[in-house]
Each structure stands twice: as structure tokens, then as C-alpha cells.
C-alpha atoms as a PDB file:
ATOM      1  CA  MET A   1      -8.303  11.588  56.800  1.00  0.00           C
ATOM      2  CA  THR A   2      -5.244  13.536  57.813  1.00  0.00           C
ATOM      3  CA  ALA A   3      -2.871  15.124  55.326  1.00  0.00           C
ATOM      4  CA  LYS A   4      -0.231  12.619  56.413  1.00  0.00           C
ATOM      5  CA  ASN A   5      -2.424   9.601  55.542  1.00  0.00           C
ATOM      6  CA  LEU A   6      -3.458  11.168  52.224  1.00  0.00           C
ATOM      7  CA  LEU A   7       0.157  11.746  51.304  1.00  0.00           C
ATOM      8  CA  ARG A   8       1.032   8.182  52.272  1.00  0.00           C
ATOM      9  CA  ARG A   9      -1.744   6.846  49.941  1.00  0.00           C
ATOM     10  CA  VAL A  10      -0.653   9.153  47.169  1.00  0.00           C
ATOM     11  CA  ASN A  11       2.922   7.908  47.505  1.00  0.00           C
ATOM     12  CA  ARG A  12       1.749   4.279  47.348  1.00  0.00           C
ATOM     13  CA  GLY A  13      -0.172   4.985  44.221  1.00  0.00           C
ATOM     14  CA  ILE A  14       2.880   6.654  42.623  1.00  0.00           C
ATOM     15  CA  LEU A  15       5.147   3.730  43.593  1.00  0.00           C
ATOM     16  CA  LEU A  16       2.599   1.246  42.171  1.00  0.00           C
ATOM     17  CA  ALA A  17       2.388   3.198  38.901  1.00  0.00           C
ATOM     18  CA  VAL A  18       6.159   3.332  38.669  1.00  0.00           C
ATOM     19  CA  ALA A  19       6.383  -0.399  39.337  1.00  0.00           C
ATOM     20  CA  LEU A  20       3.828  -1.101  36.620  1.00  0.00           C
ATOM     21  CA  ILE A  21       5.694   1.110  34.130  1.00  0.00           C
ATOM     22  CA  ILE A  22       9.004  -0.569  34.931  1.00  0.00           C
ATOM     23  CA  GLY A  23       7.352  -3.986  34.539  1.00  0.00           C
ATOM     24  CA  LEU A  24       5.932  -2.960  31.169  1.00  0.00           C
ATOM     25  CA  ILE A  25       9.292  -1.689  29.981  1.00  0.00           C
ATOM     26  CA  VAL A  26      10.983  -4.889  30.996  1.00  0.00           C
ATOM     27  CA  TRP A  27       8.315  -7.012  29.334  1.00  0.00           C
ATOM     28  CA  LEU A  28       8.530  -5.029  26.129  1.00  0.00           C
ATOM     29  CA  ALA A  29      12.349  -5.390  26.153  1.00  0.00           C
ATOM     30  CA  VAL A  30      12.159  -9.145  26.644  1.00  0.00           C
ATOM     31  CA  ASP A  31       9.414  -9.489  23.984  1.00  0.00           C
ATOM     32  CA  ASN A  32      11.453  -7.428  21.532  1.00  0.00           C
ATOM     33  CA  ALA A  33      14.572  -9.528  22.149  1.00  0.00           C
ATOM     34  CA  ARG A  34      12.492 -12.699  21.636  1.00  0.00           C
ATOM     35  CA  PHE A  35      11.067 -11.385  18.376  1.00  0.00           C
ATOM     36  CA  THR A  36      14.569 -10.624  17.108  1.00  0.00           C
ATOM     37  CA  LYS A  37      15.157 -14.360  17.062  1.00  0.00           C
ATOM     38  CA  GLU A  38      11.719 -14.835  15.434  1.00  0.00           C
ATOM     39  CA  LYS A  39      12.828 -12.559  12.643  1.00  0.00           C
ATOM     40  CA  ASP A  40      15.704 -14.848  11.865  1.00  0.00           C
ATOM     41  CA  ASP A  41      13.273 -17.837  11.799  1.00  0.00           C
ATOM     42  CA  ILE A  42      10.916 -16.013   9.450  1.00  0.00           C
ATOM     43  CA  THR A  43      13.673 -15.096   7.036  1.00  0.00           C
ATOM     44  CA  ALA A  44      14.959 -18.651   7.012  1.00  0.00           C
ATOM     45  CA  MET A  45      11.439 -19.987   6.342  1.00  0.00           C
ATOM     46  CA  LEU A  46      10.932 -17.638   3.417  1.00  0.00           C
ATOM     47  CA  ASP A  47      14.358 -18.576   1.900  1.00  0.00           C
ATOM     48  CA  GLN A  48      13.499 -22.281   2.124  1.00  0.00           C
ATOM     49  CA  TYR A  49      10.034 -21.759   0.685  1.00  0.00           C
ATOM     50  CA  ALA A  50      11.558 -19.867  -2.247  1.00  0.00           C
ATOM     51  CA  VAL A  51      13.763 -22.919  -2.971  1.00  0.00           C
ATOM     52  CA  GLU A  52      11.058 -25.529  -2.609  1.00  0.00           C
ATOM     53  CA  SER A  53       8.306 -23.680  -4.412  1.00  0.00           C
ATOM     54  CA  ALA A  54      10.372 -22.929  -7.525  1.00  0.00           C
ATOM     55  CA  SER A  55       9.718 -26.340  -9.086  1.00  0.00           C
ATOM     56  CA  LEU A  56       5.975 -26.594  -8.430  1.00  0.00           C
ATOM     57  CA  MET A  57       4.889 -25.483 -11.892  1.00  0.00           C
ATOM     58  CA  ILE A  58       7.503 -27.488 -13.816  1.00  0.00           C
ATOM     59  CA  LEU A  59       6.003 -30.594 -15.341  1.00  0.00           C
ATOM     60  CA  PRO A  60       8.233 -33.665 -15.941  1.00  0.00           C
ATOM     61  CA  GLU A  61      10.070 -33.549 -19.265  1.00  0.00           C
ATOM     62  CA  SER A  62       7.906 -36.385 -20.558  1.00  0.00           C
ATOM     63  CA  ASP A  63       4.826 -34.091 -20.240  1.00  0.00           C
ATOM     64  CA  GLN A  64       6.520 -31.066 -21.833  1.00  0.00           C
ATOM     65  CA  ASN A  65       5.410 -31.401 -25.430  1.00  0.00           C
ATOM     66  CA  PRO A  66       5.101 -28.015 -27.206  1.00  0.00           C
ATOM     67  CA  GLY A  67       2.009 -27.838 -29.357  1.00  0.00           C
ATOM     68  CA  GLU A  68       0.330 -30.697 -27.478  1.00  0.00           C
ATOM     69  CA  THR A  69      -2.263 -30.541 -24.727  1.00  0.00           C
ATOM     70  CA  VAL A  70      -1.175 -31.646 -21.271  1.00  0.00           C
ATOM     71  CA  SER A  71      -3.266 -34.463 -19.897  1.00  0.00           C
ATOM     72  CA  ALA A  72      -5.585 -33.999 -16.931  1.00  0.00           C
ATOM     73  CA  THR A  73      -3.716 -36.810 -15.228  1.00  0.00           C
ATOM     74  CA  ALA A  74      -0.469 -34.887 -15.417  1.00  0.00           C
ATOM     75  CA  VAL A  75      -2.106 -31.760 -14.031  1.00  0.00           C
ATOM     76  CA  GLU A  76      -3.586 -33.689 -11.067  1.00  0.00           C
ATOM     77  CA  LYS A  77      -0.261 -35.366 -10.299  1.00  0.00           C
ATOM     78  CA  GLN A  78       1.494 -31.950 -10.295  1.00  0.00           C
ATOM     79  CA  LEU A  79      -1.094 -30.580  -7.848  1.00  0.00           C
ATOM     80  CA  LYS A  80      -0.803 -33.593  -5.601  1.00  0.00           C
ATOM     81  CA  ASP A  81       2.997 -33.331  -5.532  1.00  0.00           C
ATOM     82  CA  ALA A  82       2.803 -29.594  -4.661  1.00  0.00           C
ATOM     83  CA  GLN A  83       0.426 -29.992  -1.731  1.00  0.00           C
ATOM     84  CA  PRO A  84       3.052 -31.039   0.895  1.00  0.00           C
ATOM     85  CA  VAL A  85       5.003 -27.878   0.092  1.00  0.00           C
ATOM     86  CA  PHE A  86       1.937 -25.693   0.547  1.00  0.00           C
ATOM     87  CA  ASP A  87       1.119 -27.472   3.779  1.00  0.00           C
ATOM     88  CA  ARG A  88       4.587 -26.933   5.170  1.00  0.00           C
ATOM     89  CA  PHE A  89       4.918 -23.240   4.370  1.00  0.00           C
ATOM     90  CA  LEU A  90       1.346 -21.856   4.091  1.00  0.00           C
ATOM     91  CA  THR A  91      -1.552 -21.544   6.560  1.00  0.00           C
ATOM     92  CA  GLY A  92      -4.844 -19.789   7.098  1.00  0.00           C
ATOM     93  CA  GLY A  93      -5.803 -17.004   9.516  1.00  0.00           C
ATOM     94  CA  GLY A  94      -5.903 -14.004   7.175  1.00  0.00           C
ATOM     95  CA  ARG A  95      -8.770 -11.553   7.296  1.00  0.00           C
ATOM     96  CA  TYR A  96      -9.631 -11.706   3.613  1.00  0.00           C
ATOM     97  CA  SER A  97      -8.087 -14.827   2.259  1.00  0.00           C
ATOM     98  CA  SER A  98      -5.974 -17.830   3.339  1.00  0.00           C
ATOM     99  CA  ALA A  99      -2.674 -18.608   1.594  1.00  0.00           C
ATOM    100  CA  ASN A 100      -3.103 -22.345   2.054  1.00  0.00           C
ATOM    101  CA  GLU A 101      -6.412 -22.307   0.267  1.00  0.00           C
ATOM    102  CA  ARG A 102      -5.584 -19.678  -2.351  1.00  0.00           C
ATOM    103  CA  ALA A 103      -2.292 -21.167  -3.601  1.00  0.00           C
ATOM    104  CA  PRO A 104      -3.575 -24.624  -4.660  1.00  0.00           C
ATOM    105  CA  MET A 105      -6.588 -23.018  -6.394  1.00  0.00           C
ATOM    106  CA  GLU A 106      -4.434 -20.572  -8.318  1.00  0.00           C
ATOM    107  CA  MET A 107      -1.973 -23.299  -9.264  1.00  0.00           C
ATOM    108  CA  ARG A 108      -4.832 -25.445 -10.567  1.00  0.00           C
ATOM    109  CA  ASN A 109      -6.185 -22.582 -12.644  1.00  0.00           C
ATOM    110  CA  ALA A 110      -2.724 -21.888 -14.069  1.00  0.00           C
ATOM    111  CA  LEU A 111      -1.940 -25.513 -14.972  1.00  0.00           C
ATOM    112  CA  GLU A 112      -5.358 -26.054 -16.595  1.00  0.00           C
ATOM    113  CA  SER A 113      -5.017 -22.848 -18.546  1.00  0.00           C
ATOM    114  CA  ASN A 114      -1.502 -23.725 -19.687  1.00  0.00           C
ATOM    115  CA  ALA A 115      -2.653 -27.196 -20.688  1.00  0.00           C
ATOM    116  CA  VAL A 116      -5.218 -25.631 -23.052  1.00  0.00           C
ATOM    117  CA  SER A 117      -2.861 -23.012 -24.443  1.00  0.00           C
ATOM    118  CA  ARG A 118      -0.095 -25.660 -24.627  1.00  0.00           C
ATOM    119  CA  THR A 119       2.495 -23.483 -22.879  1.00  0.00           C
ATOM    120  CA  TYR A 120       4.977 -24.508 -20.227  1.00  0.00           C
ATOM    121  CA  VAL A 121       7.226 -23.371 -17.397  1.00  0.00           C
ATOM    122  CA  THR A 122      10.415 -25.417 -17.941  1.00  0.00           C
ATOM    123  CA  GLY A 123      12.688 -23.750 -15.366  1.00  0.00           C
ATOM    124  CA  CYS A 124      12.312 -21.508 -12.363  1.00  0.00           C
ATOM    125  CA  GLU A 125      14.342 -19.947  -9.591  1.00  0.00           C
ATOM    126  CA  PHE A 126      13.300 -17.578  -6.779  1.00  0.00           C
ATOM    127  CA  LYS A 127      15.467 -15.490  -4.502  1.00  0.00           C
ATOM    128  CA  ILE A 128      14.246 -13.490  -1.528  1.00  0.00           C
ATOM    129  CA  THR A 129      16.062 -10.135  -1.847  1.00  0.00           C
ATOM    130  CA  LYS A 130      14.526  -8.290   1.100  1.00  0.00           C
ATOM    131  CA  VAL A 131      12.185  -8.826   4.040  1.00  0.00           C
ATOM    132  CA  GLY A 132      11.177  -5.276   4.832  1.00  0.00           C
ATOM    133  CA  LYS A 133       9.113  -3.717   7.612  1.00  0.00           C
ATOM    134  CA  LEU A 134       9.057  -7.021   9.522  1.00  0.00           C
ATOM    135  CA  ARG A 135       7.180  -6.439  12.727  1.00  0.00           C
ATOM    136  CA  LYS A 136       5.051  -8.204  15.271  1.00  0.00           C
ATOM    137  CA  VAL A 137       1.342  -7.349  14.960  1.00  0.00           C
ATOM    138  CA  ALA A 138      -0.208  -9.630  17.543  1.00  0.00           C
ATOM    139  CA  SER A 139       0.586 -12.703  19.559  1.00  0.00           C
ATOM    140  CA  GLY A 140       1.734 -15.335  17.065  1.00  0.00           C
ATOM    141  CA  TYR A 141       1.374 -12.941  14.066  1.00  0.00           C
ATOM    142  CA  ALA A 142       3.859 -10.798  12.092  1.00  0.00           C
ATOM    143  CA  GLN A 143       3.771  -8.750   8.924  1.00  0.00           C
ATOM    144  CA  ALA A 144       6.381  -7.828   6.293  1.00  0.00           C
ATOM    145  CA  ASP A 145       6.955  -6.672   2.781  1.00  0.00           C
ATOM    146  CA  ILE A 146       8.684  -9.496   0.849  1.00  0.00           C
ATOM    147  CA  SER A 147      10.779  -8.763  -2.251  1.00  0.00           C
ATOM    148  CA  VAL A 148      11.541 -11.588  -4.697  1.00  0.00           C
ATOM    149  CA  ASP A 149      13.623 -11.960  -7.824  1.00  0.00           C
ATOM    150  CA  ALA A 150      12.114 -14.600 -10.139  1.00  0.00           C
ATOM    151  CA  SER A 151      13.765 -16.197 -13.151  1.00  0.00           C
ATOM    152  CA  PHE A 152      11.910 -18.448 -15.569  1.00  0.00           C
ATOM    153  CA  LYS A 153      12.530 -20.533 -18.620  1.00  0.00           C
ATOM    154  CA  ILE A 154       9.297 -20.856 -20.607  1.00  0.00           C
ATOM    155  CA  ILE A 155       7.820 -22.246 -23.795  1.00  0.00           C
ATOM    156  CA  GLY A 156       5.179 -19.878 -25.127  1.00  0.00           C
ATOM    157  CA  LYS A 157       3.706 -17.492 -22.569  1.00  0.00           C
ATOM    158  CA  PRO A 158       2.280 -19.581 -19.708  1.00  0.00           C
ATOM    159  CA  ILE A 159       0.776 -18.557 -16.459  1.00  0.00           C
ATOM    160  CA  ALA A 160       3.449 -19.028 -13.836  1.00  0.00           C
ATOM    161  CA  MET A 161       3.528 -18.715 -10.043  1.00  0.00           C
ATOM    162  CA  ILE A 162       5.784 -16.583  -7.872  1.00  0.00           C
ATOM    163  CA  LEU A 163       5.781 -18.155  -4.400  1.00  0.00           C
ATOM    164  CA  HIS A 164       2.039 -18.527  -3.762  1.00  0.00           C
ATOM    165  CA  ASN A 165       0.547 -16.090  -6.391  1.00  0.00           C
ATOM    166  CA  THR A 166      -0.087 -16.691 -10.091  1.00  0.00           C
ATOM    167  CA  TRP A 167       1.574 -14.409 -12.604  1.00  0.00           C
ATOM    168  CA  TYR A 168       0.770 -13.880 -16.287  1.00  0.00           C
ATOM    169  CA  THR A 169       4.031 -13.949 -18.321  1.00  0.00           C
ATOM    170  CA  ASP A 170       2.072 -12.499 -21.244  1.00  0.00           C
ATOM    171  CA  GLU A 171       1.180  -8.914 -20.472  1.00  0.00           C
ATOM    172  CA  SER A 172      -0.325  -8.255 -23.863  1.00  0.00           C
ATOM    173  CA  GLY A 173      -3.831  -9.405 -22.867  1.00  0.00           C
ATOM    174  CA  GLN A 174      -3.884 -12.487 -25.067  1.00  0.00           C
ATOM    175  CA  TRP A 175      -6.356 -15.230 -24.329  1.00  0.00           C
ATOM    176  CA  TYR A 176      -6.058 -17.166 -21.094  1.00  0.00           C
ATOM    177  CA  GLY A 177      -8.497 -19.508 -19.439  1.00  0.00           C
ATOM    178  CA  LYS A 178     -10.221 -22.790 -19.802  1.00  0.00           C
ATOM    179  CA  GLY A 179     -12.230 -24.155 -22.699  1.00  0.00           C
ATOM    180  CA  GLU A 180     -11.328 -24.365 -26.342  1.00  0.00           C
ATOM    181  CA  MET A 181      -8.561 -22.341 -27.869  1.00  0.00           C
ATOM    182  CA  PRO A 182      -9.972 -19.587 -30.095  1.00  0.00           C
ATOM    183  CA  ALA A 183      -9.926 -20.577 -33.776  1.00  0.00           C
ATOM    184  CA  ASP A 184      -7.672 -17.668 -34.834  1.00  0.00           C
ATOM    185  CA  MET A 185      -5.035 -18.451 -32.163  1.00  0.00           C
ATOM    186  CA  THR A 186      -1.820 -20.268 -33.011  1.00  0.00           C
ATOM    187  CA  TYR A 187       0.179 -22.173 -30.471  1.00  0.00           C
ATOM    188  CA  ASP A 188       3.203 -20.273 -29.226  1.00  0.00           C
ATOM    189  CA  THR A 189       6.209 -22.616 -29.005  1.00  0.00           C
ATOM    190  CA  GLU A 190       8.917 -19.995 -28.742  1.00  0.00           C
ATOM    191  CA  ILE A 191      11.450 -20.557 -25.984  1.00  0.00           C
ATOM    192  CA  ARG A 192      12.134 -17.605 -23.699  1.00  0.00           C
ATOM    193  CA  THR A 193      13.923 -16.689 -20.459  1.00  0.00           C
ATOM    194  CA  LEU A 194      12.238 -14.125 -18.333  1.00  0.00           C
ATOM    195  CA  SER A 195      13.018 -12.404 -15.085  1.00  0.00           C
ATOM    196  CA  GLN A 196      10.735 -10.419 -12.849  1.00  0.00           C
ATOM    197  CA  SER A 197      11.195  -8.534  -9.559  1.00  0.00           C
ATOM    198  CA  VAL A 198       8.173  -8.269  -7.313  1.00  0.00           C
ATOM    199  CA  THR A 199       7.364  -7.086  -3.789  1.00  0.00           C
ATOM    200  CA  PHE A 200       4.490  -8.634  -1.900  1.00  0.00           C
ATOM    201  CA  MET A 201       3.023  -5.995   0.393  1.00  0.00           C
ATOM    202  CA  ASP A 202       1.897  -6.462   4.001  1.00  0.00           C
ATOM    203  CA  VAL A 203       2.294 -10.248   3.962  1.00  0.00           C
ATOM    204  CA  LEU A 204       0.654 -11.702   7.075  1.00  0.00           C
ATOM    205  CA  LEU A 205       2.806 -14.388   8.838  1.00  0.00           C
ATOM    206  CA  ARG A 206       1.475 -16.770  11.487  1.00  0.00           C
ATOM    207  CA  LYS A 207       3.225 -19.068  13.926  1.00  0.00           C
ATOM    208  CA  VAL A 208       1.649 -22.495  13.957  1.00  0.00           C
ATOM    209  CA  ASN A 209       2.886 -25.234  16.296  1.00  0.00           C
ATOM    210  CA  GLY A 210       6.206 -23.392  16.697  1.00  0.00           C
ATOM    211  CA  GLU A 211       6.704 -22.808  12.983  1.00  0.00           C
ATOM    212  CA  TRP A 212       6.222 -19.575  11.043  1.00  0.00           C
ATOM    213  CA  LYS A 213       4.101 -19.773   7.877  1.00  0.00           C
ATOM    214  CA  ILE A 214       2.598 -17.373   5.307  1.00  0.00           C
ATOM    215  CA  ALA A 215      -1.042 -16.751   6.100  1.00  0.00           C
ATOM    216  CA  GLU A 216      -2.085 -13.990   3.669  1.00  0.00           C
ATOM    217  CA  SER A 217      -0.689 -11.630   1.020  1.00  0.00           C
ATOM    218  CA  ASN A 218      -2.292  -8.244   0.573  1.00  0.00           C
ATOM    219  CA  GLY A 219      -1.231  -7.055  -2.878  1.00  0.00           C
ATOM    220  CA  MET A 220       2.046  -6.608  -4.727  1.00  0.00           C
ATOM    221  CA  ASN A 221       4.164  -4.167  -6.630  1.00  0.00           C
ATOM    222  CA  TRP A 222       5.747  -5.232  -9.957  1.00  0.00           C
ATOM    223  CA  ASN A 223       9.248  -3.925 -10.426  1.00  0.00           C
ATOM    224  CA  SER A 224      11.802  -4.558 -13.176  1.00  0.00           C
ATOM    225  CA  ARG A 225      11.129  -7.091 -15.951  1.00  0.00           C
ATOM    226  CA  THR A 226      13.379  -8.636 -18.665  1.00  0.00           C
ATOM    227  CA  VAL A 227      12.458 -10.984 -21.522  1.00  0.00           C
ATOM    228  CA  VAL A 228      14.861 -12.740 -23.883  1.00  0.00           C
ATOM    229  CA  SER A 229      13.566 -14.869 -26.778  1.00  0.00           C
ATOM    230  CA  TYR A 230      15.495 -17.551 -28.710  1.00  0.00           C
END
């Protein structure tokens, strides 16, 4: 092979490498521009989920009877009414857990525990305050830190839910769970308003049939907390 032929082959290799690099740069630019639109869709989905999930733990007024046990029928109806919301905004696909499986299970545990302790969530409002570190992690997957301000009206100290995770409004370690109320426990019928700021860390988001949904949450940080009793 002559030096001239070798040089020609080397030049071809360089040109091919340059073309591949330029193609990659163009693809990344297009993909980044496309995901910028996806970010708006994800934020809009989270805002809508915050609105629709706020009422999931609120029983009808006819079932809010302080000092009385909530019926199993009322619990089952509340779970049934919540399922379409979970189906619309949650999905599976997480490595360790699936939001669409975890949320109904946690809601059931919360409602059944509240029924026994005779405590209630009577009002609720969520506001997404920040969607931080939002980035694409794979085709059809994204990840973000989601900050939420939650405001509650409660009777007693029930277990509540913030988006798709349960939250214990009583941080003193009092009894929670199923079964009979301990003999030395009295029913708490005090009315309170309570606010809590929380950040869900590394929330996995998945695009399903053209729609973004929450697939998995990987921990949270509790921020400010305010309680007012009446």
C-alpha cells in the first residue's frame, strides 16, 4: 500500500468520525429540545395529580362521626372511588416498588387504621412548589425531586396521604394500626389544621401510551411543619 492510499484511507476514517460526531450532536440537540416539551407535560401532570389526589382520604360528611368507628363499607367505597385517580396518574416500572400498587395498599392501611382510631381527614390541599433536577434517564423515563406543600383539616391525628405516600400526622409515636384500640387509649376528637412541606426524592416518571405518570418514589425529606388546634 502506498503512502498516498494510506493517507486517503486515513482521511476517509477522519471524515466518517467527524460525520458521526456531528450526527450525534444533532441528535442530542433534537432530543433535548423534545424533552423540554416533555418537562412541561410532566409538570402539568403533577399539578393535576395534586388537585385530584387531595380529596382521596376525605370521607363523605355522613361518614365523619368523631368517636365512632367508620364502617368497612365506607372504607371500601372510598378505595373504589380513588382507583381511577391512581390509574390515571400512577404506573409501574420501578426497580424496587410500583407506585400504582403501593398507593392503593397504603391508602387501605391508612383508612382501616383511622377507622379503628376514629380519626378523620376532613379537608386537604396540595400544591407542587418545585419540580427539581428533572432529567431524562432512559427512553420513556425521567427522574425528578418533587416538592409539595400540604394543608390538612383533621379530627384527631389520623394517617393521611401526601400524593401517593401515607403520612402520620401524629409524630409522638402513639398507637396506629389495625385491631382493637388499647384499653387505656381515649378517642381524640380535637379539630386541627396542619401544614407540611415535603420533598419526594428521585421520583421515577414513566411515559405510558403518550402520557407521563409516576412510577416510583425513592424516599423523602420532611421540611417545615405547622399545627394549629381549636
